[in-house]
Amino acid sequence: MPKTKQETFHLVALGETMIRHFTRGFHRLEQCTDLGFSIAGSESNLAVGASRLGLSCGWIGKLVDNPLGRKIEREISVHGVDLSRVVWTDKGRVGAFYIEFGSPPRPTQVTYDRKDSAASTLGPGEVDWDYVRTAEWFHTTGITCALSKTCLDTVREGIREAHRGATRVSLDLNYREKLWTPSRCRGVLATLLPELDLLIAGSDDVRKVFGFGGEGADQAGKIQDRFGTKRVLVTCGGQGAVARDEKGSVHGISFERFPVREVDRIGSGDAFAAGFFAGLIERDVDLGLLYGAATCAWKYSVPGDHALISREEMLEVARGGQSVLRR
């Protein structure tokens, strides 16, 4: 597909986007006669959310030129995300996953069908790194690092190429135990963390992968001390989030000010990251935490992986607006 003219972006994200199938009415997969059908991928989730909040965003992935690949393209680009540097192929398959929504005591479960997907064959030579260097931020995740050796090589090259210019690099840990072990994840990320301008991680993932306990601020400090990562943002479940900057200053926000009723929590971490970048780029870390918390809270009310929220809606939540009915 033709490329557009070179533009500049606030953020360019790289990773795999898959087909998302999900059960309805809390059915088990084995009893379903029909499934919901959408798309999802951590990096594209973030790009969609950030674009809706007003940032200029691009997404790079590898898609099969078939109806499933074109569905992914359409459902990302409709939110204003630039896909001009997507790598298209007529070989391989589009990965998929299945969500079985549970209700306590039965957990929500995810079953992946992504082995040997076209996205897992993405290599460094297929990416337009000049395009990446037009962005303020280049973003990827631990998921991409875990998919294959070629994807890990692409992430490594992406970090090097971004730093050849003025582009900063962020990575969301996003640990997936069905992709790799904690020790393997730790070993790989230990070589990447010193090169990052920002690491985003959930507190539970930090504990599981690195063995760092304590509060979020303590975990962020341990990562900085051990690996030299410039900035670390740790989300702490329903409690809140903390960020430590390159000077060691701690910034935090409590989620208590944003009461939610959960409809679908999947994608809420990506929503937080989208809001964080929107506030960080607009002003600073504190505004990023506020925007991130407000966007995350809104996402809990929306089915699907994407944070379907406008900037105006996010600002209303950030101000404390809790309308039950709007006419």
C-alpha atoms as a PDB file:
ATOM      1  CA  MET A   1       0.000   0.000   0.000  1.00  0.00           C
ATOM      2  CA  PRO A   2       1.269   3.517  -0.748  1.00  0.00           C
ATOM      3  CA  LYS A   3       3.051   5.549   1.876  1.00  0.00           C
ATOM      4  CA  THR A   4       1.925   9.012   2.810  1.00  0.00           C
ATOM      5  CA  LYS A   5       4.258  11.981   3.018  1.00  0.00           C
ATOM      6  CA  GLN A   6       6.527  12.134   6.042  1.00  0.00           C
ATOM      7  CA  GLU A   7       4.836  13.740   9.038  1.00  0.00           C
ATOM      8  CA  THR A   8       5.852  14.326  12.621  1.00  0.00           C
ATOM      9  CA  PHE A   9       4.182  12.488  15.480  1.00  0.00           C
ATOM     10  CA  HIS A  10       3.895  12.725  19.210  1.00  0.00           C
ATOM     11  CA  LEU A  11       4.109   8.937  19.466  1.00  0.00           C
ATOM     12  CA  VAL A  12       4.800   5.952  17.209  1.00  0.00           C
ATOM     13  CA  ALA A  13       4.002   2.497  18.632  1.00  0.00           C
ATOM     14  CA  LEU A  14       5.180  -0.895  17.363  1.00  0.00           C
ATOM     15  CA  GLY A  15       3.673  -4.308  18.096  1.00  0.00           C
ATOM     16  CA  GLU A  16       1.163  -6.994  17.199  1.00  0.00           C
ATOM     17  CA  THR A  17      -2.568  -6.452  16.877  1.00  0.00           C
ATOM     18  CA  MET A  18      -4.822  -9.521  16.852  1.00  0.00           C
ATOM     19  CA  ILE A  19      -8.406 -10.526  16.327  1.00  0.00           C
ATOM     20  CA  ARG A  20     -10.308 -10.481  19.636  1.00  0.00           C
ATOM     21  CA  HIS A  21     -13.097 -13.032  20.128  1.00  0.00           C
ATOM     22  CA  PHE A  22     -15.113 -12.891  23.337  1.00  0.00           C
ATOM     23  CA  THR A  23     -17.987 -14.659  25.018  1.00  0.00           C
ATOM     24  CA  ARG A  24     -21.300 -12.943  25.708  1.00  0.00           C
ATOM     25  CA  GLY A  25     -23.376 -13.128  28.857  1.00  0.00           C
ATOM     26  CA  PHE A  26     -20.568 -14.765  30.853  1.00  0.00           C
ATOM     27  CA  HIS A  27     -20.856 -17.986  28.844  1.00  0.00           C
ATOM     28  CA  ARG A  28     -18.004 -20.445  28.863  1.00  0.00           C
ATOM     29  CA  LEU A  29     -16.272 -20.941  25.523  1.00  0.00           C
ATOM     30  CA  GLU A  30     -17.406 -24.567  25.398  1.00  0.00           C
ATOM     31  CA  GLN A  31     -21.071 -23.564  25.538  1.00  0.00           C
ATOM     32  CA  CYS A  32     -20.958 -20.629  23.108  1.00  0.00           C
ATOM     33  CA  THR A  33     -22.861 -20.631  19.855  1.00  0.00           C
ATOM     34  CA  ASP A  34     -21.581 -17.183  18.853  1.00  0.00           C
ATOM     35  CA  LEU A  35     -18.701 -14.911  19.789  1.00  0.00           C
ATOM     36  CA  GLY A  36     -17.994 -11.187  19.726  1.00  0.00           C
ATOM     37  CA  PHE A  37     -15.498 -10.121  17.069  1.00  0.00           C
ATOM     38  CA  SER A  38     -13.174  -7.118  17.406  1.00  0.00           C
ATOM     39  CA  ILE A  39      -9.437  -6.335  17.513  1.00  0.00           C
ATOM     40  CA  ALA A  40      -6.844  -5.690  20.199  1.00  0.00           C
ATOM     41  CA  GLY A  41      -3.135  -5.151  20.748  1.00  0.00           C
ATOM     42  CA  SER A  42      -1.422  -3.308  23.564  1.00  0.00           C
ATOM     43  CA  GLU A  43       0.551  -0.932  21.377  1.00  0.00           C
ATOM     44  CA  SER A  44      -2.313  -0.107  19.018  1.00  0.00           C
ATOM     45  CA  ASN A  45      -4.660   0.235  22.015  1.00  0.00           C
ATOM     46  CA  LEU A  46      -2.364   2.955  23.330  1.00  0.00           C
ATOM     47  CA  ALA A  47      -2.112   4.665  19.936  1.00  0.00           C
ATOM     48  CA  VAL A  48      -5.910   4.678  19.561  1.00  0.00           C
ATOM     49  CA  GLY A  49      -6.461   6.088  23.056  1.00  0.00           C
ATOM     50  CA  ALA A  50      -3.758   8.741  22.719  1.00  0.00           C
ATOM     51  CA  SER A  51      -5.026   9.777  19.279  1.00  0.00           C
ATOM     52  CA  ARG A  52      -8.547  10.239  20.633  1.00  0.00           C
ATOM     53  CA  LEU A  53      -7.072  12.459  23.371  1.00  0.00           C
ATOM     54  CA  GLY A  54      -5.475  14.731  20.796  1.00  0.00           C
ATOM     55  CA  LEU A  55      -1.994  13.331  20.144  1.00  0.00           C
ATOM     56  CA  SER A  56      -0.724  12.587  16.650  1.00  0.00           C
ATOM     57  CA  CYS A  57       0.085   8.870  16.595  1.00  0.00           C
ATOM     58  CA  GLY A  58       1.352   6.213  14.246  1.00  0.00           C
ATOM     59  CA  TRP A  59       1.299   2.438  14.588  1.00  0.00           C
ATOM     60  CA  ILE A  60       3.682  -0.062  12.991  1.00  0.00           C
ATOM     61  CA  GLY A  61       2.846  -3.752  12.743  1.00  0.00           C
ATOM     62  CA  LYS A  62       2.834  -6.575  10.217  1.00  0.00           C
ATOM     63  CA  LEU A  63      -0.533  -7.513   8.752  1.00  0.00           C
ATOM     64  CA  VAL A  64      -1.700 -10.164   6.326  1.00  0.00           C
ATOM     65  CA  ASP A  65      -3.375  -8.682   3.272  1.00  0.00           C
ATOM     66  CA  ASN A  66      -6.667 -10.490   3.770  1.00  0.00           C
ATOM     67  CA  PRO A  67     -10.040  -9.540   5.300  1.00  0.00           C
ATOM     68  CA  LEU A  68      -8.732  -9.957   8.859  1.00  0.00           C
ATOM     69  CA  GLY A  69      -5.698  -7.769   8.275  1.00  0.00           C
ATOM     70  CA  ARG A  70      -7.829  -5.141   6.596  1.00  0.00           C
ATOM     71  CA  LYS A  71     -10.283  -5.243   9.501  1.00  0.00           C
ATOM     72  CA  ILE A  72      -7.417  -4.450  11.863  1.00  0.00           C
ATOM     73  CA  GLU A  73      -6.244  -1.611   9.616  1.00  0.00           C
ATOM     74  CA  ARG A  74      -9.727  -0.089   9.410  1.00  0.00           C
ATOM     75  CA  GLU A  75     -10.491  -0.318  13.130  1.00  0.00           C
ATOM     76  CA  ILE A  76      -7.234   1.385  14.111  1.00  0.00           C
ATOM     77  CA  SER A  77      -7.141   4.051  11.415  1.00  0.00           C
ATOM     78  CA  VAL A  78     -10.741   5.181  12.042  1.00  0.00           C
ATOM     79  CA  HIS A  79      -9.490   6.778  15.275  1.00  0.00           C
ATOM     80  CA  GLY A  80      -6.964   8.942  13.433  1.00  0.00           C
ATOM     81  CA  VAL A  81      -3.890   6.735  13.884  1.00  0.00           C
ATOM     82  CA  ASP A  82      -1.483   6.771  10.930  1.00  0.00           C
ATOM     83  CA  LEU A  83      -0.838   3.290   9.469  1.00  0.00           C
ATOM     84  CA  SER A  84       1.222   4.283   6.450  1.00  0.00           C
ATOM     85  CA  ARG A  85       4.230   2.268   7.646  1.00  0.00           C
ATOM     86  CA  VAL A  86       2.411  -0.987   8.375  1.00  0.00           C
ATOM     87  CA  VAL A  87       4.203  -3.926   6.749  1.00  0.00           C
ATOM     88  CA  TRP A  88       1.845  -5.931   4.524  1.00  0.00           C
ATOM     89  CA  THR A  89       2.374  -9.557   3.554  1.00  0.00           C
ATOM     90  CA  ASP A  90       0.474 -12.236   1.670  1.00  0.00           C
ATOM     91  CA  LYS A  91       2.025 -14.959   3.803  1.00  0.00           C
ATOM     92  CA  GLY A  92       1.197 -16.267   7.265  1.00  0.00           C
ATOM     93  CA  ARG A  93      -1.812 -15.661   9.450  1.00  0.00           C
ATOM     94  CA  VAL A  94      -3.359 -13.065  11.719  1.00  0.00           C
ATOM     95  CA  GLY A  95      -3.102 -13.995  15.404  1.00  0.00           C
ATOM     96  CA  ALA A  96      -6.244 -14.284  17.508  1.00  0.00           C
ATOM     97  CA  PHE A  97      -7.272 -14.663  21.118  1.00  0.00           C
ATOM     98  CA  TYR A  98     -10.432 -15.663  22.957  1.00  0.00           C
ATOM     99  CA  ILE A  99     -11.761 -14.068  26.132  1.00  0.00           C
ATOM    100  CA  GLU A 100     -14.035 -16.055  28.423  1.00  0.00           C
ATOM    101  CA  PHE A 101     -15.520 -13.461  30.756  1.00  0.00           C
ATOM    102  CA  GLY A 102     -15.969 -14.830  34.261  1.00  0.00           C
ATOM    103  CA  SER A 103     -17.780 -13.799  37.398  1.00  0.00           C
ATOM    104  CA  PRO A 104     -16.340 -14.597  40.866  1.00  0.00           C
ATOM    105  CA  PRO A 105     -15.255 -17.160  41.782  1.00  0.00           C
ATOM    106  CA  ARG A 106     -14.605 -17.958  38.095  1.00  0.00           C
ATOM    107  CA  PRO A 107     -11.873 -15.727  36.666  1.00  0.00           C
ATOM    108  CA  THR A 108     -11.855 -14.156  33.234  1.00  0.00           C
ATOM    109  CA  GLN A 109      -9.590 -16.305  31.075  1.00  0.00           C
ATOM    110  CA  VAL A 110      -7.705 -15.587  27.852  1.00  0.00           C
ATOM    111  CA  THR A 111      -6.790 -18.280  25.319  1.00  0.00           C
ATOM    112  CA  TYR A 112      -4.258 -17.311  22.640  1.00  0.00           C
ATOM    113  CA  ASP A 113      -4.022 -18.559  19.075  1.00  0.00           C
ATOM    114  CA  ARG A 114      -1.074 -16.493  17.884  1.00  0.00           C
ATOM    115  CA  LYS A 115       1.754 -18.964  17.222  1.00  0.00           C
ATOM    116  CA  ASP A 116       3.569 -18.306  13.926  1.00  0.00           C
ATOM    117  CA  SER A 117       1.520 -15.202  13.217  1.00  0.00           C
ATOM    118  CA  ALA A 118       2.753 -12.879  10.497  1.00  0.00           C
ATOM    119  CA  ALA A 119       3.366 -10.223  13.168  1.00  0.00           C
ATOM    120  CA  SER A 120       5.889 -12.499  14.879  1.00  0.00           C
ATOM    121  CA  THR A 121       8.052 -12.464  11.734  1.00  0.00           C
ATOM    122  CA  LEU A 122       8.527  -8.687  11.707  1.00  0.00           C
ATOM    123  CA  GLY A 123      12.228  -7.915  11.311  1.00  0.00           C
ATOM    124  CA  PRO A 124      14.357  -4.763  11.711  1.00  0.00           C
ATOM    125  CA  GLY A 125      14.867  -4.383   7.981  1.00  0.00           C
ATOM    126  CA  GLU A 126      11.125  -4.023   7.382  1.00  0.00           C
ATOM    127  CA  VAL A 127      10.658  -0.926   9.545  1.00  0.00           C
ATOM    128  CA  ASP A 128      11.044   2.646   8.293  1.00  0.00           C
ATOM    129  CA  TRP A 129      13.238   3.998  11.075  1.00  0.00           C
ATOM    130  CA  ASP A 130      13.274   7.510   9.594  1.00  0.00           C
ATOM    131  CA  TYR A 131       9.527   7.495  10.226  1.00  0.00           C
ATOM    132  CA  VAL A 132      10.077   6.457  13.839  1.00  0.00           C
ATOM    133  CA  ARG A 133      12.538   9.304  14.340  1.00  0.00           C
ATOM    134  CA  THR A 134       9.851  11.835  13.390  1.00  0.00           C
ATOM    135  CA  ALA A 135       8.158  11.072  16.731  1.00  0.00           C
ATOM    136  CA  GLU A 136       8.743  12.483  20.189  1.00  0.00           C
ATOM    137  CA  TRP A 137       8.248   8.967  21.604  1.00  0.00           C
ATOM    138  CA  PHE A 138       8.760   5.450  20.263  1.00  0.00           C
ATOM    139  CA  HIS A 139       6.722   2.936  22.260  1.00  0.00           C
ATOM    140  CA  THR A 140       6.631  -0.841  22.438  1.00  0.00           C
ATOM    141  CA  THR A 141       6.050  -3.560  25.043  1.00  0.00           C
ATOM    142  CA  GLY A 142       7.491  -6.681  26.597  1.00  0.00           C
ATOM    143  CA  ILE A 143       4.875  -8.600  24.624  1.00  0.00           C
ATOM    144  CA  THR A 144       6.618  -7.730  21.366  1.00  0.00           C
ATOM    145  CA  CYS A 145       9.974  -8.723  22.834  1.00  0.00           C
ATOM    146  CA  ALA A 146       8.549 -12.144  23.727  1.00  0.00           C
ATOM    147  CA  LEU A 147       6.972 -13.000  20.373  1.00  0.00           C
ATOM    148  CA  SER A 148      10.110 -14.115  18.527  1.00  0.00           C
ATOM    149  CA  LYS A 149      13.809 -13.472  18.049  1.00  0.00           C
ATOM    150  CA  THR A 150      13.109 -11.289  15.027  1.00  0.00           C
ATOM    151  CA  CYS A 151      10.655  -9.169  17.027  1.00  0.00           C
ATOM    152  CA  LEU A 152      13.174  -8.800  19.848  1.00  0.00           C
ATOM    153  CA  ASP A 153      15.820  -7.808  17.304  1.00  0.00           C
ATOM    154  CA  THR A 154      13.373  -5.238  15.941  1.00  0.00           C
ATOM    155  CA  VAL A 155      12.843  -3.755  19.411  1.00  0.00           C
ATOM    156  CA  ARG A 156      16.599  -3.572  20.006  1.00  0.00           C
ATOM    157  CA  GLU A 157      17.108  -1.882  16.643  1.00  0.00           C
ATOM    158  CA  GLY A 158      14.208   0.444  17.365  1.00  0.00           C
ATOM    159  CA  ILE A 159      15.819   1.655  20.576  1.00  0.00           C
ATOM    160  CA  ARG A 160      19.125   2.261  18.783  1.00  0.00           C
ATOM    161  CA  GLU A 161      17.501   4.001  15.828  1.00  0.00           C
ATOM    162  CA  ALA A 162      15.288   6.191  18.008  1.00  0.00           C
ATOM    163  CA  HIS A 163      18.297   7.368  19.983  1.00  0.00           C
ATOM    164  CA  ARG A 164      20.128   8.232  16.784  1.00  0.00           C
ATOM    165  CA  GLY A 165      17.742  11.161  16.710  1.00  0.00           C
ATOM    166  CA  ALA A 166      15.831  12.999  19.420  1.00  0.00           C
ATOM    167  CA  THR A 167      13.140  10.335  19.859  1.00  0.00           C
ATOM    168  CA  ARG A 168      12.665   9.014  23.373  1.00  0.00           C
ATOM    169  CA  VAL A 169      11.852   5.370  24.048  1.00  0.00           C
ATOM    170  CA  SER A 170       9.195   3.874  26.302  1.00  0.00           C
ATOM    171  CA  LEU A 171       8.381   0.243  27.007  1.00  0.00           C
ATOM    172  CA  ASP A 172       5.434  -1.230  28.887  1.00  0.00           C
ATOM    173  CA  LEU A 173       6.497  -4.392  30.712  1.00  0.00           C
ATOM    174  CA  ASN A 174       3.118  -6.081  30.106  1.00  0.00           C
ATOM    175  CA  TYR A 175       4.305  -9.474  31.350  1.00  0.00           C
ATOM    176  CA  ARG A 176       2.482 -12.424  29.767  1.00  0.00           C
ATOM    177  CA  GLU A 177       3.194 -15.754  31.435  1.00  0.00           C
ATOM    178  CA  LYS A 178       1.855 -17.630  28.401  1.00  0.00           C
ATOM    179  CA  LEU A 179       4.646 -16.119  26.282  1.00  0.00           C
ATOM    180  CA  TRP A 180       7.712 -16.489  28.516  1.00  0.00           C
ATOM    181  CA  THR A 181       8.959 -17.212  32.021  1.00  0.00           C
ATOM    182  CA  PRO A 182       9.823 -14.513  34.567  1.00  0.00           C
ATOM    183  CA  SER A 183      13.514 -15.425  34.368  1.00  0.00           C
ATOM    184  CA  ARG A 184      13.576 -15.183  30.578  1.00  0.00           C
ATOM    185  CA  CYS A 185      11.710 -11.871  30.685  1.00  0.00           C
ATOM    186  CA  ARG A 186      14.073 -10.533  33.339  1.00  0.00           C
ATOM    187  CA  GLY A 187      17.140 -11.554  31.357  1.00  0.00           C
ATOM    188  CA  VAL A 188      15.963  -9.869  28.185  1.00  0.00           C
ATOM    189  CA  LEU A 189      14.715  -6.672  29.804  1.00  0.00           C
ATOM    190  CA  ALA A 190      17.909  -6.307  31.833  1.00  0.00           C
ATOM    191  CA  THR A 191      19.656  -5.531  28.536  1.00  0.00           C
ATOM    192  CA  LEU A 192      16.996  -3.027  27.445  1.00  0.00           C
ATOM    193  CA  LEU A 193      16.124  -1.127  30.627  1.00  0.00           C
ATOM    194  CA  PRO A 194      19.354   0.945  30.744  1.00  0.00           C
ATOM    195  CA  GLU A 195      18.432   2.349  27.312  1.00  0.00           C
ATOM    196  CA  LEU A 196      14.848   3.351  28.133  1.00  0.00           C
ATOM    197  CA  ASP A 197      13.610   6.861  28.779  1.00  0.00           C
ATOM    198  CA  LEU A 198      10.479   5.423  30.413  1.00  0.00           C
ATOM    199  CA  LEU A 199       9.433   2.029  31.737  1.00  0.00           C
ATOM    200  CA  ILE A 200       5.748   1.450  32.465  1.00  0.00           C
ATOM    201  CA  ALA A 201       4.906  -1.554  34.634  1.00  0.00           C
ATOM    202  CA  GLY A 202       2.260  -2.943  36.916  1.00  0.00           C
ATOM    203  CA  SER A 203       3.325  -3.492  40.511  1.00  0.00           C
ATOM    204  CA  ASP A 204       2.436  -7.192  40.358  1.00  0.00           C
ATOM    205  CA  ASP A 205       4.520  -7.639  37.202  1.00  0.00           C
ATOM    206  CA  VAL A 206       7.508  -5.919  38.822  1.00  0.00           C
ATOM    207  CA  ARG A 207       7.237  -8.297  41.762  1.00  0.00           C
ATOM    208  CA  LYS A 208       6.842 -11.351  39.540  1.00  0.00           C
ATOM    209  CA  VAL A 209       9.593 -10.566  37.018  1.00  0.00           C
ATOM    210  CA  PHE A 210      12.211  -8.756  39.106  1.00  0.00           C
ATOM    211  CA  GLY A 211      11.356  -9.872  42.621  1.00  0.00           C
ATOM    212  CA  PHE A 212      11.140  -6.250  43.790  1.00  0.00           C
ATOM    213  CA  GLY A 213       8.591  -5.889  46.581  1.00  0.00           C
ATOM    214  CA  GLY A 214       7.329  -2.924  48.554  1.00  0.00           C
ATOM    215  CA  GLU A 215       5.184  -0.009  47.464  1.00  0.00           C
ATOM    216  CA  GLY A 216       5.166   1.259  43.898  1.00  0.00           C
ATOM    217  CA  ALA A 217       7.591   4.082  44.647  1.00  0.00           C
ATOM    218  CA  ASP A 218      10.021   1.597  46.213  1.00  0.00           C
ATOM    219  CA  GLN A 219       9.765  -0.680  43.187  1.00  0.00           C
ATOM    220  CA  ALA A 220      10.382   2.198  40.801  1.00  0.00           C
ATOM    221  CA  GLY A 221      13.451   3.241  42.780  1.00  0.00           C
ATOM    222  CA  LYS A 222      14.848  -0.284  42.778  1.00  0.00           C
ATOM    223  CA  ILE A 223      14.481  -0.500  39.002  1.00  0.00           C
ATOM    224  CA  GLN A 224      16.260   2.822  38.555  1.00  0.00           C
ATOM    225  CA  ASP A 225      19.059   1.845  40.955  1.00  0.00           C
ATOM    226  CA  ARG A 226      19.550  -1.580  39.398  1.00  0.00           C
ATOM    227  CA  PHE A 227      19.174  -0.791  35.703  1.00  0.00           C
ATOM    228  CA  GLY A 228      19.554   2.959  35.319  1.00  0.00           C
ATOM    229  CA  THR A 229      16.191   3.513  33.620  1.00  0.00           C
ATOM    230  CA  LYS A 230      15.560   7.259  33.440  1.00  0.00           C
ATOM    231  CA  ARG A 231      11.871   7.284  34.397  1.00  0.00           C
ATOM    232  CA  VAL A 232       9.691   4.542  35.836  1.00  0.00           C
ATOM    233  CA  LEU A 233       5.890   4.559  36.075  1.00  0.00           C
ATOM    234  CA  VAL A 234       4.328   1.866  38.280  1.00  0.00           C
ATOM    235  CA  THR A 235       0.580   1.253  38.322  1.00  0.00           C
ATOM    236  CA  CYS A 236      -0.673  -0.268  41.562  1.00  0.00           C
ATOM    237  CA  GLY A 237      -3.988  -1.907  40.688  1.00  0.00           C
ATOM    238  CA  GLY A 238      -6.981  -0.087  42.117  1.00  0.00           C
ATOM    239  CA  GLN A 239      -4.823   1.942  44.506  1.00  0.00           C
ATOM    240  CA  GLY A 240      -3.201   4.355  42.071  1.00  0.00           C
ATOM    241  CA  ALA A 241       0.075   4.975  40.287  1.00  0.00           C
ATOM    242  CA  VAL A 242       3.473   6.475  41.016  1.00  0.00           C
ATOM    243  CA  ALA A 243       6.244   7.793  38.792  1.00  0.00           C
ATOM    244  CA  ARG A 244       9.877   8.496  39.585  1.00  0.00           C
ATOM    245  CA  ASP A 245      11.679  10.920  37.315  1.00  0.00           C
ATOM    246  CA  GLU A 246      15.355  11.017  36.389  1.00  0.00           C
ATOM    247  CA  LYS A 247      16.131  13.065  39.510  1.00  0.00           C
ATOM    248  CA  GLY A 248      14.457  10.526  41.804  1.00  0.00           C
ATOM    249  CA  SER A 249      11.463  12.742  42.557  1.00  0.00           C
ATOM    250  CA  VAL A 250       8.276  10.778  43.218  1.00  0.00           C
ATOM    251  CA  HIS A 251       4.888  11.764  41.777  1.00  0.00           C
ATOM    252  CA  GLY A 252       1.696   9.886  42.566  1.00  0.00           C
ATOM    253  CA  ILE A 253      -2.055   9.752  42.188  1.00  0.00           C
ATOM    254  CA  SER A 254      -4.755   7.827  44.042  1.00  0.00           C
ATOM    255  CA  PHE A 255      -7.530   6.116  42.125  1.00  0.00           C
ATOM    256  CA  GLU A 256      -9.978   6.649  45.009  1.00  0.00           C
ATOM    257  CA  ARG A 257     -11.099   9.904  43.403  1.00  0.00           C
ATOM    258  CA  PHE A 258     -12.286   7.958  40.328  1.00  0.00           C
ATOM    259  CA  PRO A 259     -14.868   5.396  41.465  1.00  0.00           C
ATOM    260  CA  VAL A 260     -15.713   2.865  38.758  1.00  0.00           C
ATOM    261  CA  ARG A 261     -18.140   0.095  38.041  1.00  0.00           C
ATOM    262  CA  GLU A 262     -16.340  -2.525  35.992  1.00  0.00           C
ATOM    263  CA  VAL A 263     -17.763  -3.458  32.600  1.00  0.00           C
ATOM    264  CA  ASP A 264     -14.509  -4.568  30.930  1.00  0.00           C
ATOM    265  CA  ARG A 265     -11.102  -3.992  32.503  1.00  0.00           C
ATOM    266  CA  ILE A 266      -9.069  -5.467  29.621  1.00  0.00           C
ATOM    267  CA  GLY A 267      -7.139  -2.635  27.997  1.00  0.00           C
ATOM    268  CA  SER A 268      -7.311  -0.382  31.060  1.00  0.00           C
ATOM    269  CA  GLY A 269      -3.527  -0.357  31.446  1.00  0.00           C
ATOM    270  CA  ASP A 270      -3.126   0.779  27.850  1.00  0.00           C
ATOM    271  CA  ALA A 271      -5.773   3.447  28.486  1.00  0.00           C
ATOM    272  CA  PHE A 272      -3.793   4.701  31.484  1.00  0.00           C
ATOM    273  CA  ALA A 273      -0.637   4.868  29.382  1.00  0.00           C
ATOM    274  CA  ALA A 274      -2.476   6.784  26.639  1.00  0.00           C
ATOM    275  CA  GLY A 275      -3.707   9.365  29.126  1.00  0.00           C
ATOM    276  CA  PHE A 276      -0.279   9.564  30.752  1.00  0.00           C
ATOM    277  CA  PHE A 277       1.407  10.417  27.456  1.00  0.00           C
ATOM    278  CA  ALA A 278      -1.281  12.991  26.677  1.00  0.00           C
ATOM    279  CA  GLY A 279      -0.647  14.822  29.950  1.00  0.00           C
ATOM    280  CA  LEU A 280       3.133  14.351  29.903  1.00  0.00           C
ATOM    281  CA  ILE A 281       3.453  15.801  26.409  1.00  0.00           C
ATOM    282  CA  GLU A 282       1.026  18.628  27.189  1.00  0.00           C
ATOM    283  CA  ARG A 283       2.748  19.659  30.410  1.00  0.00           C
ATOM    284  CA  ASP A 284       4.399  17.289  32.896  1.00  0.00           C
ATOM    285  CA  VAL A 285       4.318  14.022  34.851  1.00  0.00           C
ATOM    286  CA  ASP A 286       1.643  15.165  37.303  1.00  0.00           C
ATOM    287  CA  LEU A 287      -0.764  16.048  34.522  1.00  0.00           C
ATOM    288  CA  GLY A 288       0.112  12.734  32.888  1.00  0.00           C
ATOM    289  CA  LEU A 289      -0.896  10.835  36.028  1.00  0.00           C
ATOM    290  CA  LEU A 290      -4.174  12.763  36.245  1.00  0.00           C
ATOM    291  CA  TYR A 291      -5.052  12.191  32.596  1.00  0.00           C
ATOM    292  CA  GLY A 292      -3.968   8.571  32.839  1.00  0.00           C
ATOM    293  CA  ALA A 293      -6.178   7.869  35.854  1.00  0.00           C
ATOM    294  CA  ALA A 294      -9.183   9.590  34.291  1.00  0.00           C
ATOM    295  CA  THR A 295      -8.784   7.712  30.995  1.00  0.00           C
ATOM    296  CA  CYS A 296      -8.315   4.406  32.797  1.00  0.00           C
ATOM    297  CA  ALA A 297     -11.439   4.957  34.896  1.00  0.00           C
ATOM    298  CA  TRP A 298     -13.483   5.695  31.772  1.00  0.00           C
ATOM    299  CA  LYS A 299     -12.136   2.595  30.028  1.00  0.00           C
ATOM    300  CA  TYR A 300     -13.557   0.354  32.789  1.00  0.00           C
ATOM    301  CA  SER A 301     -17.025   1.386  31.584  1.00  0.00           C
ATOM    302  CA  VAL A 302     -16.417   0.528  27.912  1.00  0.00           C
ATOM    303  CA  PRO A 303     -16.536  -2.994  26.422  1.00  0.00           C
ATOM    304  CA  GLY A 304     -13.587  -3.905  24.215  1.00  0.00           C
ATOM    305  CA  ASP A 305      -9.892  -3.071  24.363  1.00  0.00           C
ATOM    306  CA  HIS A 306     -10.031   0.493  23.058  1.00  0.00           C
ATOM    307  CA  ALA A 307     -10.483   3.530  25.286  1.00  0.00           C
ATOM    308  CA  LEU A 308     -13.389   5.089  23.393  1.00  0.00           C
ATOM    309  CA  ILE A 309     -13.137   8.475  25.025  1.00  0.00           C
ATOM    310  CA  SER A 310     -12.795  12.030  23.781  1.00  0.00           C
ATOM    311  CA  ARG A 311     -10.498  14.645  25.249  1.00  0.00           C
ATOM    312  CA  GLU A 312     -13.533  16.548  26.548  1.00  0.00           C
ATOM    313  CA  GLU A 313     -14.886  13.441  28.288  1.00  0.00           C
ATOM    314  CA  MET A 314     -11.495  12.737  29.827  1.00  0.00           C
ATOM    315  CA  LEU A 315     -11.238  16.300  31.130  1.00  0.00           C
ATOM    316  CA  GLU A 316     -14.702  16.063  32.669  1.00  0.00           C
ATOM    317  CA  VAL A 317     -13.717  12.896  34.551  1.00  0.00           C
ATOM    318  CA  ALA A 318     -10.446  14.526  35.620  1.00  0.00           C
ATOM    319  CA  ARG A 319     -12.433  17.436  37.049  1.00  0.00           C
ATOM    320  CA  GLY A 320     -14.596  15.021  39.034  1.00  0.00           C
ATOM    321  CA  GLY A 321     -17.650  14.901  36.810  1.00  0.00           C
ATOM    322  CA  GLN A 322     -19.786  11.817  37.531  1.00  0.00           C
ATOM    323  CA  SER A 323     -22.944  12.329  35.452  1.00  0.00           C
ATOM    324  CA  VAL A 324     -25.380   9.390  35.628  1.00  0.00           C
ATOM    325  CA  LEU A 325     -27.689  10.677  32.900  1.00  0.00           C
ATOM    326  CA  ARG A 326     -27.015  13.233  30.210  1.00  0.00           C
ATOM    327  CA  ARG A 327     -29.826  14.575  28.004  1.00  0.00           C
END
